Protein backbone atom coordinates (compact mmCIF):
# COMPACT_ATOMS: atom_id res chain seq x y z
CA MET A 1 82.84 101.20 61.48
CA PRO A 2 85.84 99.87 59.52
CA THR A 3 85.84 96.18 58.79
CA ALA A 4 88.43 93.91 60.38
CA PRO A 5 91.73 93.71 58.49
CA ASP A 6 92.35 90.75 56.19
CA GLN A 7 96.06 90.09 56.46
CA THR A 8 98.21 88.20 53.99
CA GLY A 9 99.79 86.30 56.89
CA ASP A 10 103.11 86.07 58.68
CA GLY A 11 106.51 85.30 57.19
CA LEU A 12 109.26 87.36 55.62
CA ALA A 13 107.61 87.72 52.20
CA ALA A 14 104.38 88.98 53.79
CA TYR A 15 106.41 91.30 55.99
CA ARG A 16 108.14 92.85 52.96
CA LEU A 17 104.76 93.57 51.35
CA ARG A 18 103.51 95.01 54.62
CA GLU A 19 106.58 97.22 55.08
CA ARG A 20 106.41 98.54 51.51
CA ALA A 21 102.73 99.39 51.86
CA LEU A 22 103.30 101.19 55.16
CA TYR A 23 106.06 103.32 53.67
CA ASP A 24 103.69 104.16 50.81
CA LEU A 25 101.16 105.23 53.45
CA ARG A 26 103.78 107.43 55.07
CA ASP A 27 104.56 109.14 51.77
CA ALA A 28 100.86 109.64 51.02
CA LEU A 29 100.38 111.48 54.33
CA ALA A 30 101.76 114.55 52.56
CA ALA A 31 98.24 114.93 51.11
CA ASP A 32 96.11 117.76 52.48
CA SER A 33 92.83 115.85 52.74
CA TRP A 34 91.49 112.35 53.29
CA ASP A 35 90.26 112.18 49.69
CA ALA A 36 93.64 113.27 48.33
CA PHE A 37 95.33 110.73 50.61
CA CYS A 38 93.17 107.93 49.19
CA GLU A 39 93.71 109.14 45.63
CA THR A 40 97.47 109.07 46.12
CA LEU A 41 97.30 105.52 47.41
CA ALA A 42 95.00 104.43 44.58
CA ARG A 43 97.60 105.62 42.07
CA ARG A 44 100.02 103.24 43.79
CA ASP A 45 97.53 100.37 43.49
CA LEU A 46 96.72 100.61 47.19
CA PRO A 47 92.99 101.20 47.53
CA GLU A 48 91.63 100.87 51.05
CA ALA A 49 90.76 97.18 50.70
CA ARG A 50 94.23 96.35 49.41
CA VAL A 51 95.92 98.26 52.24
CA ARG A 52 94.01 96.18 54.79
CA GLN A 53 94.81 92.99 52.92
CA VAL A 54 98.58 93.50 52.93
CA ALA A 55 99.09 95.84 55.91
CA GLY A 56 96.12 95.46 58.22
CA PRO A 57 97.26 95.23 61.87
CA PRO A 58 96.60 92.08 63.90
CA VAL A 59 94.67 94.10 66.51
CA PRO A 60 91.49 96.17 66.06
CA MET A 61 92.58 99.27 68.00
CA ASP A 62 95.57 101.19 69.33
CA LEU A 63 95.08 103.27 72.46
CA HIS A 64 98.62 104.63 73.00
CA THR A 65 99.83 106.99 70.28
CA HIS A 66 101.64 110.30 69.96
CA SER A 67 101.19 113.09 67.43
CA THR A 68 102.92 116.29 66.37
CA TYR A 69 101.55 117.85 69.56
CA SER A 70 104.32 116.02 71.42
CA ASP A 71 107.12 113.95 69.88
CA GLY A 72 105.24 112.12 67.14
CA GLN A 73 105.58 112.91 63.45
CA VAL A 74 101.95 112.47 62.37
CA PRO A 75 99.37 115.24 62.94
CA PRO A 76 96.25 114.15 64.86
CA ARG A 77 93.86 114.27 61.90
CA LYS A 78 96.26 112.15 59.86
CA LEU A 79 96.46 109.64 62.69
CA ALA A 80 92.73 109.24 62.06
CA TRP A 81 93.48 108.63 58.37
CA LEU A 82 95.96 105.90 59.27
CA ALA A 83 93.52 104.29 61.68
CA ARG A 84 90.78 104.22 59.04
CA ILE A 85 92.92 102.99 56.13
CA LEU A 86 94.47 100.25 58.27
CA GLY A 87 91.10 99.06 59.54
CA LEU A 88 91.42 100.04 63.20
CA LYS A 89 88.04 100.57 64.81
CA ALA A 90 89.36 102.75 67.65
CA ILE A 91 92.37 104.93 68.35
CA GLY A 92 93.53 106.78 71.46
CA LEU A 93 95.72 109.89 71.45
CA THR A 94 98.01 110.17 74.49
CA ASP A 95 100.53 112.91 73.80
CA HIS A 96 103.13 113.68 76.45
CA ASP A 97 101.68 116.27 78.85
CA SER A 98 99.41 117.63 76.12
CA VAL A 99 95.75 117.33 75.19
CA SER A 100 95.97 119.95 72.44
CA GLY A 101 95.53 117.47 69.60
CA THR A 102 92.63 115.48 71.03
CA ARG A 103 89.79 117.51 69.51
CA GLU A 104 91.42 117.44 66.07
CA LEU A 105 91.79 113.66 66.22
CA TYR A 106 88.28 113.18 67.56
CA SER A 107 86.63 115.33 64.90
CA GLU A 108 88.43 113.66 61.99
CA ALA A 109 88.02 110.16 63.39
CA MET A 110 84.27 110.62 63.82
CA LEU A 111 83.95 111.70 60.17
CA LEU A 112 85.79 108.55 59.11
CA GLY A 113 83.84 106.13 61.31
CA VAL A 114 86.66 105.45 63.76
CA ALA A 115 86.10 105.70 67.52
CA ALA A 116 88.51 108.12 69.19
CA LEU A 117 89.55 108.10 72.84
CA PRO A 118 91.03 111.37 74.16
CA GLY A 119 93.88 110.96 76.61
CA VAL A 120 97.23 112.19 77.84
CA GLU A 121 100.47 110.61 79.04
CA LEU A 122 101.58 112.40 82.18
CA SER A 123 105.27 112.50 83.03
CA THR A 124 106.59 112.27 86.57
CA ASP A 125 109.91 113.03 88.22
CA ARG A 126 110.92 109.37 88.21
CA ALA A 127 112.60 107.94 85.12
CA GLY A 128 110.40 105.41 83.35
CA LEU A 129 107.28 106.29 85.34
CA GLU A 130 104.55 107.68 83.12
CA ILE A 131 100.81 107.60 83.62
CA LEU A 132 98.13 107.43 80.96
CA VAL A 133 94.83 109.18 81.63
CA TYR A 134 91.86 108.43 79.36
CA PHE A 135 88.57 110.31 79.08
CA PRO A 136 86.02 107.89 77.56
CA ASP A 137 83.28 110.54 77.42
CA ALA A 138 84.90 112.84 74.86
CA GLY A 139 82.15 115.45 74.94
CA ALA A 140 82.38 115.77 78.72
CA PHE A 141 86.16 116.03 78.44
CA PHE A 142 86.05 118.87 75.91
CA ASP A 143 83.51 120.67 78.11
CA PHE A 144 85.78 120.12 81.12
CA LEU A 145 88.64 121.94 79.36
CA THR A 146 86.52 125.12 79.29
CA THR A 147 85.87 125.06 83.05
CA PRO A 148 88.14 126.56 85.74
CA PRO A 149 89.47 123.10 86.76
CA GLY A 150 90.07 122.29 83.09
CA ARG A 151 91.93 125.54 82.49
CA ARG A 152 94.09 124.88 85.55
CA PHE A 153 94.87 121.42 84.20
CA SER A 154 95.86 122.92 80.84
CA LYS A 155 98.15 125.42 82.57
CA TYR A 156 99.79 122.57 84.47
CA LEU A 157 100.41 120.73 81.22
CA ALA A 158 101.88 123.87 79.67
CA ARG A 159 104.35 124.18 82.56
CA LYS A 160 105.38 120.54 82.10
CA GLN A 161 105.93 121.15 78.40
CA THR A 162 108.15 124.14 79.14
CA ASP A 163 110.21 122.02 81.54
CA VAL A 164 110.68 119.20 79.03
CA HIS A 165 111.62 121.65 76.28
CA GLN A 166 114.36 123.17 78.42
CA ALA A 167 115.57 119.70 79.40
CA THR A 168 115.77 118.68 75.75
CA LEU A 169 117.85 121.70 74.80
CA LYS A 170 120.22 120.99 77.69
CA VAL A 171 120.71 117.32 76.88
CA VAL A 172 121.75 117.76 73.23
CA ASP A 173 125.33 118.73 74.14
CA SER A 174 125.68 115.75 76.47
CA VAL A 175 124.46 113.35 73.79
CA ASN A 176 126.80 114.89 71.22
CA ARG A 177 129.75 114.41 73.57
CA TRP A 178 128.76 110.77 73.99
CA LEU A 179 128.50 110.34 70.21
CA LYS A 180 131.96 111.83 69.79
CA LYS A 181 133.36 109.27 72.26
CA GLN A 182 131.87 106.53 70.08
CA GLY A 183 133.80 107.84 67.09
CA VAL A 184 131.00 109.76 65.41
CA PRO A 185 132.60 112.72 63.56
CA ALA A 186 132.01 116.15 65.06
CA GLY A 187 130.48 117.24 61.77
CA GLU A 188 127.66 114.74 62.34
CA ALA A 189 126.60 116.15 65.71
CA ILE A 190 122.91 116.64 66.43
CA THR A 191 121.93 120.23 65.71
CA LEU A 192 119.16 122.46 66.96
CA GLU A 193 118.23 122.98 63.31
CA GLU A 194 117.34 119.27 63.12
CA LEU A 195 115.11 119.59 66.15
CA ASP A 196 113.54 122.70 64.63
CA ALA A 197 112.80 120.73 61.47
CA TRP A 198 111.33 117.77 63.38
CA PHE A 199 108.99 119.93 65.45
CA GLY A 200 108.32 122.56 62.81
CA GLY A 201 110.01 125.16 65.00
CA GLN A 202 107.19 124.88 67.55
CA PRO A 203 108.22 124.02 71.14
CA PRO A 204 108.16 121.90 73.15
CA TYR A 205 110.95 119.65 71.91
CA TYR A 206 111.25 116.19 73.48
CA PRO A 207 114.23 114.10 74.62
CA GLY A 208 112.87 111.04 72.83
CA THR A 209 113.52 112.76 69.53
CA VAL A 210 117.15 113.31 70.52
CA ALA A 211 117.32 109.53 70.93
CA VAL A 212 115.96 109.01 67.40
CA LEU A 213 118.48 111.45 65.95
CA GLY A 214 121.31 109.96 67.99
CA LEU A 215 120.54 106.42 66.87
CA ALA A 216 120.66 107.56 63.25
CA ARG A 217 124.34 108.49 63.79
CA LEU A 218 125.32 104.96 64.81
CA ASP A 219 126.29 102.58 62.03
CA ALA A 220 125.58 98.84 62.24
CA ALA A 221 128.97 98.04 63.81
CA ARG A 222 128.54 100.63 66.57
CA ARG A 223 124.98 99.50 67.26
CA LYS A 224 126.14 95.91 67.64
CA ARG A 225 129.06 96.87 69.88
CA LEU A 226 126.92 99.10 72.10
CA GLY A 227 123.83 96.89 72.13
CA ILE A 228 121.71 99.81 70.92
CA HIS A 229 119.36 98.94 68.06
CA ASP A 230 116.32 101.16 68.63
CA PRO A 231 115.46 104.65 69.92
CA ARG A 232 114.11 103.32 73.23
CA THR A 233 117.41 101.63 74.11
CA PHE A 234 119.33 104.75 73.06
CA ASN A 235 117.04 106.74 75.34
CA THR A 236 117.57 104.34 78.24
CA LYS A 237 121.35 104.04 77.88
CA VAL A 238 122.28 107.55 76.77
CA VAL A 239 119.58 110.23 77.05
CA THR A 240 118.02 109.29 80.40
CA PRO A 241 121.38 109.06 82.25
CA ALA A 242 122.35 112.44 80.79
CA LEU A 243 119.09 113.96 82.00
CA LYS A 244 119.68 112.52 85.46
CA ARG A 245 123.16 114.04 85.57
CA LEU A 246 121.73 117.38 84.56
CA GLY A 247 118.88 117.04 87.06
CA ALA A 248 116.82 118.48 84.25
CA ALA A 249 113.88 116.13 83.91
CA ALA A 250 112.34 112.83 84.88
CA GLY A 251 114.71 110.73 86.92
CA ALA A 252 115.97 113.42 89.23
CA ARG A 253 113.79 112.06 92.06
CA ALA A 254 113.99 108.43 93.07
CA ASP A 255 111.20 108.31 95.67
CA VAL A 256 107.91 107.44 93.97
CA ARG A 257 105.86 109.41 96.48
CA GLU A 258 107.85 112.57 95.85
CA ALA A 259 108.17 111.95 92.11
CA THR A 260 104.40 111.61 91.64
CA GLN A 261 103.30 114.40 93.95
CA GLU A 262 102.30 116.83 91.19
CA VAL A 263 100.59 114.17 89.11
CA ARG A 264 98.63 112.88 92.11
CA ARG A 265 97.48 116.40 92.85
CA GLN A 266 96.25 116.85 89.26
CA LEU A 267 94.48 113.50 89.23
CA ALA A 268 92.78 114.30 92.52
CA ALA A 269 91.56 117.60 91.07
CA ILE A 270 90.12 115.82 88.04
CA HIS A 271 88.41 113.23 90.22
CA ARG A 272 86.80 116.01 92.26
CA THR A 273 84.83 116.97 89.14
CA ASP A 274 82.14 114.86 87.48
CA LEU A 275 84.48 114.05 84.58
CA GLY A 276 85.17 110.34 84.46
CA ALA A 277 88.87 109.58 83.97
CA VAL A 278 90.64 106.22 83.73
CA VAL A 279 94.23 106.07 85.02
CA ILE A 280 96.62 103.48 83.56
CA LEU A 281 100.30 102.83 84.33
CA SER A 282 102.29 103.09 81.08
CA HIS A 283 104.73 100.39 79.96
CA PRO A 284 105.78 99.03 83.38
CA LYS A 285 108.92 97.51 81.87
CA GLU A 286 110.38 101.02 81.66
CA LEU A 287 110.31 101.16 85.44
CA VAL A 288 112.94 98.41 85.25
CA THR A 289 114.95 99.54 82.22
CA LYS A 290 114.85 103.31 82.72
CA GLY A 291 113.87 103.58 86.36
CA ARG A 292 116.25 100.83 87.58
CA MET A 293 113.54 99.35 89.80
CA THR A 294 113.51 95.75 90.94
CA LEU A 295 110.38 93.76 90.19
CA GLY A 296 109.50 94.02 93.86
CA GLN A 297 109.68 97.81 93.62
CA VAL A 298 107.49 97.77 90.51
CA ALA A 299 104.88 95.77 92.44
CA GLN A 300 105.09 98.26 95.32
CA THR A 301 104.69 101.15 92.86
CA ILE A 302 101.54 99.62 91.36
CA ARG A 303 100.11 99.12 94.84
CA TYR A 304 101.02 102.66 95.90
CA LEU A 305 99.51 104.24 92.79
CA THR A 306 96.33 102.20 93.24
CA GLU A 307 95.95 103.51 96.76
CA LYS A 308 97.15 107.10 96.29
CA ALA A 309 96.67 107.98 92.61
CA SER A 310 93.39 106.22 91.74
CA LEU A 311 95.21 103.81 89.42
CA ASP A 312 92.69 101.81 87.39
CA GLY A 313 94.95 99.51 85.40
CA VAL A 314 98.32 98.62 83.91
CA GLU A 315 99.50 98.36 80.31
CA VAL A 316 100.17 94.71 79.56
CA GLY A 317 101.28 93.11 76.30
CA CYS A 318 102.46 96.40 74.85
CA SER A 319 105.34 96.79 72.39
CA ARG A 320 107.98 96.56 75.14
CA ASP A 321 106.72 93.29 76.62
CA ASP A 322 107.71 89.73 75.88
CA ALA A 323 105.75 86.70 77.10
CA SER A 324 107.62 86.63 80.41
CA ASP A 325 106.87 90.31 81.05
CA VAL A 326 103.18 89.71 80.38
CA ARG A 327 103.10 86.92 82.95
CA ILE A 328 104.87 89.07 85.57
CA TRP A 329 102.61 92.11 85.12
CA ARG A 330 99.50 89.94 85.23
CA GLU A 331 100.64 88.34 88.48
CA MET A 332 101.17 91.81 90.00
CA ILE A 333 97.73 92.91 88.81
CA ASP A 334 96.13 89.78 90.25
CA GLU A 335 97.77 90.34 93.64
CA VAL A 336 96.57 93.94 93.89
CA SER A 337 93.11 93.01 92.60
CA ALA A 338 92.84 90.29 95.26
CA ASP A 339 93.58 92.86 97.95
CA ILE A 340 90.94 95.16 96.45
CA ALA A 341 88.39 92.33 96.53
CA ALA A 342 89.31 91.55 100.15
CA GLY A 343 88.91 95.19 101.17
CA ARG A 344 92.60 95.66 101.95
CA LEU A 345 92.88 98.31 99.22
CA ASP A 346 90.25 100.93 98.45
CA ALA A 347 89.41 100.91 94.73
CA PRO A 348 86.17 100.68 92.73
CA GLY A 349 87.12 97.33 91.20
CA PRO A 350 89.97 95.09 90.05
CA LEU A 351 92.82 96.60 88.07
CA LEU A 352 92.21 96.63 84.33
CA VAL A 353 94.56 94.70 82.07
CA ALA A 354 95.06 97.45 79.49
CA SER A 355 96.30 96.05 76.20
CA TYR A 356 96.25 97.42 72.64
CA SER A 357 99.04 99.92 73.28
CA SER A 358 101.80 100.39 70.71
CA ASP A 359 103.22 103.77 71.86
CA PHE A 360 103.36 104.89 68.23
CA HIS A 361 105.39 107.96 67.25
CA VAL A 362 106.80 107.55 63.73
CA LEU A 363 105.63 105.49 60.75
CA ALA A 364 108.93 103.82 59.83
CA PRO A 365 108.85 100.03 60.31
CA GLY A 366 111.98 97.91 60.13
CA ARG A 367 114.98 96.88 62.19
CA ALA A 368 117.08 99.79 60.90
CA THR A 369 114.83 102.41 62.50
CA GLY A 370 113.68 100.44 65.54
CA GLU A 371 110.46 102.45 65.50
CA ILE A 372 107.09 101.26 66.78
CA THR A 373 104.30 100.91 64.22
CA LEU A 374 100.66 101.86 64.73
CA GLY A 375 98.59 98.76 65.46
CA PHE A 376 101.62 96.46 65.32
CA GLY A 377 104.14 97.47 67.98
CA LEU A 378 107.61 96.37 66.93
CA LEU A 379 107.28 95.46 63.26
CA ASP A 380 110.42 94.31 61.48
CA GLU A 381 112.04 91.47 59.59
CA ARG A 382 112.93 89.40 62.68
CA PRO A 383 110.95 86.22 63.38
CA GLY A 384 108.26 87.04 65.91
CA HIS A 385 108.11 90.67 64.76
CA GLN A 386 107.05 90.22 61.14
CA CYS A 387 103.42 90.84 62.10
CA GLY A 388 104.18 92.98 65.14
CA ASN A 389 104.62 92.02 68.78
CA LEU A 390 101.51 93.28 70.58
CA ARG A 391 99.94 90.68 72.88
CA PRO A 392 96.33 91.62 73.66
CA GLN A 393 95.09 90.15 76.92
CA THR A 394 91.38 90.95 76.59
CA GLY A 395 88.87 91.54 73.83
CA ALA A 396 88.91 95.07 72.43
CA ASP A 397 85.21 95.70 73.04
CA GLU A 398 85.54 94.21 76.51
CA LEU A 399 88.36 96.60 77.41
CA LEU A 400 86.60 99.67 76.01
CA GLU A 401 83.43 98.81 77.93
CA ALA A 402 85.41 98.23 81.14
CA MET A 403 87.05 101.64 80.70
CA ARG A 404 83.69 103.32 80.13
CA GLN A 405 82.26 101.66 83.23
CA ARG A 406 85.25 102.61 85.36
CA ALA A 407 85.06 106.22 84.15
CA ALA A 408 81.38 106.32 85.08
CA VAL A 409 82.16 105.02 88.57
CA ARG A 410 84.90 107.62 89.00
CA ALA A 411 82.50 110.36 87.87
CA ARG A 412 79.92 109.30 90.46
CA GLN A 413 82.51 109.40 93.26
CA THR A 414 82.66 113.21 93.24
C-alpha cells in the first residue's frame, strides 16, 4: 500500500511547487504505461517520493472521480497511476451513469497496490440531485454485471447516456447565444468539433464539458462581472437553466418523488440481488445551487431517499462545502439517524457521513481553470485553497469499513 504523503506544507510558495508538479503529472499522462509514466517524471526530477513530498494530497483517498467514460479527461487506468504516484491508498470511480471503466481502474489499481472501489453516479430528473452507488465487493459487482439483473442495469445506464448526449447537443446553441450576449465574438462559439476532441469522438457527450468550454471563453473582466469563476458556477448559472428551458435533461421535473422514480426502481432491483450496494447522496449543496431547494427541502429529500431509496449516507466536506455547509449537513444526518434509532424510519443503521469526495474530472489546478483536483478538491492560489478544501469528517479506514459493513447488511436483506 502506498505510504502517506509527506507534504511541503501550506502557503503560496508551497502551492506553486504543488501546482507545477501536478501539471508535470498531467503532461506525463501521455505515456502508454506506468513505467513510462514514471520514467517521464524522473527526467523532470520528480521521482515518486518527490511527487509525494511536494504534491501529496492532505487526504489518503478520493472516492468521487470521473474518467473518460463520462466527462473526465483521464482514462481509468491512468487514474490509478495518479492515485499511486500521489500516495492515495484508495480511489473510487463514479462516472455519470456508467460503470464501463470500473474494471479497467480496478485491474490497474490492484497491480499498483491501490485499493479501488467501483461505483457510479446516477442522474435523476431533478437538477442538482445525483446519487452515488458504491459496490465494495468488486468481484461480486463484476459477476453481477454478467447476470440478467446486471445486464438490465447496464441497458438502463446506456439509455441514460443516450439521453444526456442528446441533451448536450441541444444545449450548445443556447450556451453560444448566451456567450454572444456577453460580448464573446461569434467566431469563438463552442463547436461540436471541440466536443468531439474532448470525448475522442465517442458519445456520450456531457453538459458539464460545455460549461468548461464556455468558461474558457470568458475573460477575467467578464468572469468578475458575472460572478462566474469556475465550471460549476457556469453550469449552475448558464447550462442548467438552458437545459430546463429545453426540457432536455435533469431539472425538467421538480417533484423529488417523480424525479427519482427510475433511479429508485434500479436501486430496488439491485437490492433484490445478493450484491451489496451503498447509496450516498452526492454533493447536497447542489440541491440548493442547481436545484433551487431550501434547506428544509434538502432535509426532506434526505429523509425521503432514506425511506424510499435505501439511502445509506450523504457526502459531507466535499469540494463544494464550506465549514457552514458541513455543520448543516451533519445536523440533517443526525436528525435522520435519530429517527432511525427510534424506529421512526426503517434503515439498517445511522446515515454514513461520507467524506473524501473531490468530484475530480480534469487535472488542471488553479483559479484560472476552477477545476477540482484529485485528492485536494479546490486547489488554487487563494488562502484556504492552497492545500485543497476537502474536510474529512471520519477516518478513511473507518469510512471504508462502515461502507463494507453496510453493503454486507444490504446483501443479506435480499
